[in-house]
N, C-alpha and C. Protein backbone atom coordinates (compact mmCIF):
# COMPACT_ATOMS: atom_id res chain seq x y z
N MET A 1 136.83 82.89 229.97
CA MET A 1 137.16 84.61 229.56
C MET A 1 136.39 85.13 231.06
N LYS A 2 136.22 84.14 231.79
CA LYS A 2 134.76 84.74 232.65
C LYS A 2 135.73 85.03 234.54
N PHE A 3 136.69 84.23 233.95
CA PHE A 3 138.02 84.46 235.03
C PHE A 3 138.59 85.65 234.87
N VAL A 4 139.58 85.71 233.41
CA VAL A 4 139.67 87.08 233.68
C VAL A 4 138.54 88.07 234.11
N VAL A 5 138.11 87.97 234.06
CA VAL A 5 136.89 89.66 233.98
C VAL A 5 136.79 88.84 235.98
N PHE A 6 137.01 88.10 236.65
CA PHE A 6 136.14 88.37 237.94
C PHE A 6 137.68 88.46 238.63
N CYS A 7 138.54 88.29 237.86
CA CYS A 7 140.06 88.53 239.17
C CYS A 7 140.61 90.41 238.50
N ILE A 8 139.63 90.78 237.66
CA ILE A 8 139.84 91.81 237.40
C ILE A 8 139.03 92.86 237.92
N VAL A 9 137.78 92.88 238.31
CA VAL A 9 136.64 92.79 239.03
C VAL A 9 137.64 92.77 241.11
N LEU A 10 137.83 92.04 240.90
CA LEU A 10 138.62 91.44 242.48
C LEU A 10 139.82 92.13 243.29
N SER A 11 140.85 92.77 241.89
CA SER A 11 141.66 93.74 241.68
C SER A 11 141.68 95.08 242.20
N THR A 12 140.18 96.30 241.15
CA THR A 12 139.96 96.86 241.61
C THR A 12 139.36 96.99 243.20
N ILE A 13 137.67 96.63 243.35
CA ILE A 13 138.40 95.67 245.33
C ILE A 13 139.20 96.41 245.87
N VAL A 14 139.86 95.38 246.04
CA VAL A 14 140.61 95.59 246.32
C VAL A 14 142.32 96.80 247.27
N SER A 15 142.26 97.39 245.55
CA SER A 15 142.14 98.31 245.01
C SER A 15 142.34 99.36 246.18
N LEU A 16 140.52 99.55 245.52
CA LEU A 16 139.85 100.62 246.52
C LEU A 16 139.95 100.24 248.25
N ALA A 17 139.75 99.44 248.23
CA ALA A 17 139.58 98.86 249.05
C ALA A 17 140.96 99.41 250.94
N LEU A 18 142.38 99.55 249.92
CA LEU A 18 143.44 100.46 249.99
C LEU A 18 142.91 101.11 250.11
N THR A 19 143.06 102.04 249.09
CA THR A 19 142.75 103.23 249.40
C THR A 19 142.35 103.94 250.09
N LEU A 20 141.19 103.16 250.82
CA LEU A 20 139.80 104.21 251.72
C LEU A 20 139.54 104.27 252.87
N ASP A 21 141.36 103.32 253.78
CA ASP A 21 142.23 103.78 254.93
C ASP A 21 143.42 105.07 254.94
N CYS A 22 143.10 105.77 253.61
CA CYS A 22 144.25 107.00 253.10
C CYS A 22 143.80 108.38 253.66
N GLU A 23 144.18 108.75 254.35
CA GLU A 23 143.77 110.12 254.83
C GLU A 23 143.42 111.13 253.31
N PRO A 24 142.40 111.93 253.48
CA PRO A 24 141.96 112.45 252.23
C PRO A 24 143.45 113.26 252.08
N ASN A 25 143.63 113.55 250.74
CA ASN A 25 144.77 115.01 250.27
C ASN A 25 143.91 116.46 250.39
N SER A 26 145.29 116.57 251.69
CA SER A 26 144.82 118.12 250.72
C SER A 26 145.15 119.42 250.49
N ARG A 27 144.96 119.14 249.12
CA ARG A 27 145.54 119.86 248.41
C ARG A 27 143.73 120.67 248.00
N ILE A 28 143.15 120.04 247.75
CA ILE A 28 141.83 120.82 247.17
C ILE A 28 141.47 121.57 248.42
N VAL A 29 141.62 121.77 249.81
CA VAL A 29 141.02 122.26 250.83
C VAL A 29 141.82 124.32 250.39
N CYS A 30 144.17 123.55 250.05
CA CYS A 30 144.01 125.16 250.35
C CYS A 30 143.96 125.47 248.81
N ALA A 31 143.27 125.21 247.59
CA ALA A 31 142.68 126.00 246.86
C ALA A 31 142.98 126.95 245.60
N ASP A 32 143.63 127.87 244.95
CA ASP A 32 144.32 128.29 244.59
C ASP A 32 145.15 128.94 244.95
N CYS A 33 145.62 129.58 245.99
CA CYS A 33 147.15 130.10 246.40
C CYS A 33 147.96 129.44 247.59
N SER A 34 147.60 128.73 246.57
CA SER A 34 149.04 126.92 247.35
C SER A 34 149.20 126.89 246.72
N PRO A 35 149.76 127.42 246.12
CA PRO A 35 150.54 126.47 244.09
C PRO A 35 151.48 125.73 244.97
N GLU A 36 151.87 125.02 245.46
CA GLU A 36 153.39 124.37 245.87
C GLU A 36 152.57 123.53 247.24
N PRO A 37 151.65 122.38 246.39
CA PRO A 37 150.91 121.41 247.07
C PRO A 37 152.41 120.26 247.57
N HIS A 38 153.21 119.95 247.33
CA HIS A 38 154.38 118.34 247.63
C HIS A 38 153.58 116.95 249.17
N CYS A 39 153.79 116.18 248.59
CA CYS A 39 153.44 115.23 249.45
C CYS A 39 153.99 114.23 249.58
N GLN A 40 154.44 113.86 250.51
CA GLN A 40 155.01 113.63 251.56
C GLN A 40 154.08 111.50 252.36
N PRO A 41 155.40 110.90 252.84
CA PRO A 41 154.85 109.12 252.81
C PRO A 41 153.91 109.67 254.54
N LYS A 42 153.48 108.74 254.93
CA LYS A 42 152.47 108.37 255.85
C LYS A 42 151.72 107.01 256.03
N HIS A 43 152.66 106.77 256.56
CA HIS A 43 152.58 104.83 257.07
C HIS A 43 151.62 104.86 258.06
N ALA A 44 149.74 104.86 257.25
CA ALA A 44 148.63 104.40 258.59
C ALA A 44 147.66 103.16 257.93
N HIS A 45 147.27 101.95 258.71
CA HIS A 45 146.34 101.43 258.71
C HIS A 45 147.69 99.93 257.72
N LYS A 46 149.32 99.99 258.55
CA LYS A 46 150.12 99.33 258.33
C LYS A 46 150.12 99.44 256.50
N ARG A 47 149.56 100.71 255.73
CA ARG A 47 149.81 100.68 254.17
C ARG A 47 150.14 102.38 254.12
N ALA A 48 151.31 102.78 252.74
CA ALA A 48 151.64 103.69 252.88
C ALA A 48 151.12 104.15 251.59
N CYS A 49 150.76 105.86 252.47
CA CYS A 49 149.94 106.76 252.28
C CYS A 49 150.08 108.44 251.54
N GLN A 50 150.40 108.65 251.07
CA GLN A 50 150.30 110.29 250.41
C GLN A 50 149.82 110.95 251.20
N ILE A 51 150.27 112.03 251.74
CA ILE A 51 149.29 112.92 252.40
C ILE A 51 149.99 113.96 251.42
N CYS A 52 149.05 115.18 251.93
CA CYS A 52 150.04 116.82 250.50
C CYS A 52 150.11 117.11 251.82
N LEU A 53 150.97 118.14 252.14
CA LEU A 53 150.52 119.05 252.90
C LEU A 53 150.19 121.10 251.97
N CYS A 54 150.20 121.91 252.27
CA CYS A 54 150.08 123.11 251.27
C CYS A 54 151.08 124.22 252.05
N LYS A 55 151.09 124.34 251.36
CA LYS A 55 152.53 126.05 251.93
C LYS A 55 151.66 127.69 251.33
N CYS A 56 150.92 128.59 251.55
CA CYS A 56 150.16 129.25 251.55
C CYS A 56 152.04 130.98 250.69
N ASN A 57 150.25 130.83 250.00
CA ASN A 57 151.74 132.49 248.71
C ASN A 57 152.17 133.24 250.16
N LYS A 58 152.77 133.52 249.22
CA LYS A 58 154.12 135.07 250.07
C LYS A 58 152.71 136.38 250.62
N GLY A 59 152.31 136.14 251.60
CA GLY A 59 151.24 137.19 252.27
C GLY A 59 150.13 136.86 252.49
N PHE A 60 149.83 135.24 252.08
CA PHE A 60 148.10 134.92 252.94
C PHE A 60 148.38 134.19 254.24
N LEU A 61 148.02 134.07 254.87
CA LEU A 61 147.85 132.65 256.25
C LEU A 61 147.37 132.29 256.34
N ARG A 62 147.73 130.91 256.95
CA ARG A 62 146.85 129.32 257.59
C ARG A 62 145.87 130.12 258.32
N ASP A 63 144.96 129.37 257.97
CA ASP A 63 144.10 129.50 259.09
C ASP A 63 142.51 128.18 259.13
N GLY A 64 142.62 127.57 260.04
CA GLY A 64 141.78 126.18 259.60
C GLY A 64 141.84 125.54 258.55
N GLY A 65 143.15 125.20 258.04
CA GLY A 65 143.56 125.16 256.87
C GLY A 65 143.75 124.94 255.43
N ARG A 66 142.85 126.77 255.33
CA ARG A 66 143.34 127.11 254.54
C ARG A 66 143.46 128.59 254.23
N CYS A 67 144.37 128.34 252.68
CA CYS A 67 145.59 130.44 253.48
C CYS A 67 144.45 131.41 252.80
N VAL A 68 143.98 131.80 253.83
CA VAL A 68 143.05 133.57 253.68
C VAL A 68 144.25 134.53 254.12
N LEU A 69 143.42 135.59 253.66
CA LEU A 69 144.57 137.17 253.50
C LEU A 69 143.98 137.39 254.95
N PRO A 70 144.81 138.07 256.10
CA PRO A 70 144.62 138.42 256.78
C PRO A 70 143.26 139.67 257.11
N LYS A 71 142.78 140.12 256.03
CA LYS A 71 141.84 140.90 256.10
C LYS A 71 140.56 139.93 255.55
N ASP A 72 140.76 139.27 255.50
CA ASP A 72 139.33 137.57 255.44
C ASP A 72 139.16 136.76 257.11
N CYS A 73 141.05 137.53 257.18
CA CYS A 73 140.64 136.88 259.07
C CYS A 73 139.33 136.56 260.41
N PRO A 74 138.55 135.36 259.93
CA PRO A 74 137.58 136.38 261.27
C PRO A 74 138.02 137.60 262.79
N LYS A 75 137.05 138.68 262.39
CA LYS A 75 137.45 139.81 263.89
C LYS A 75 137.45 138.44 265.30
N LYS A 76 138.46 139.21 265.96
CA LYS A 76 137.59 138.73 266.90
C LYS A 76 136.83 139.56 267.69
């Protein structure tokens, strides 16, 4: 029984270690104005990671990785 628990714990640790090398998912950054995020495979550190890209709604602009309305853009 201890061996089974050890194997489960070990596999969990290995799984976590493999996912830590992947870039963070960008869906959170795009917030509510990006209804159609899609993921594409990208190889990082000899592992396939899912990198999510954001598409802004019509009328929104991308600014620093975020979707913003033109009126909300910083004034120059």
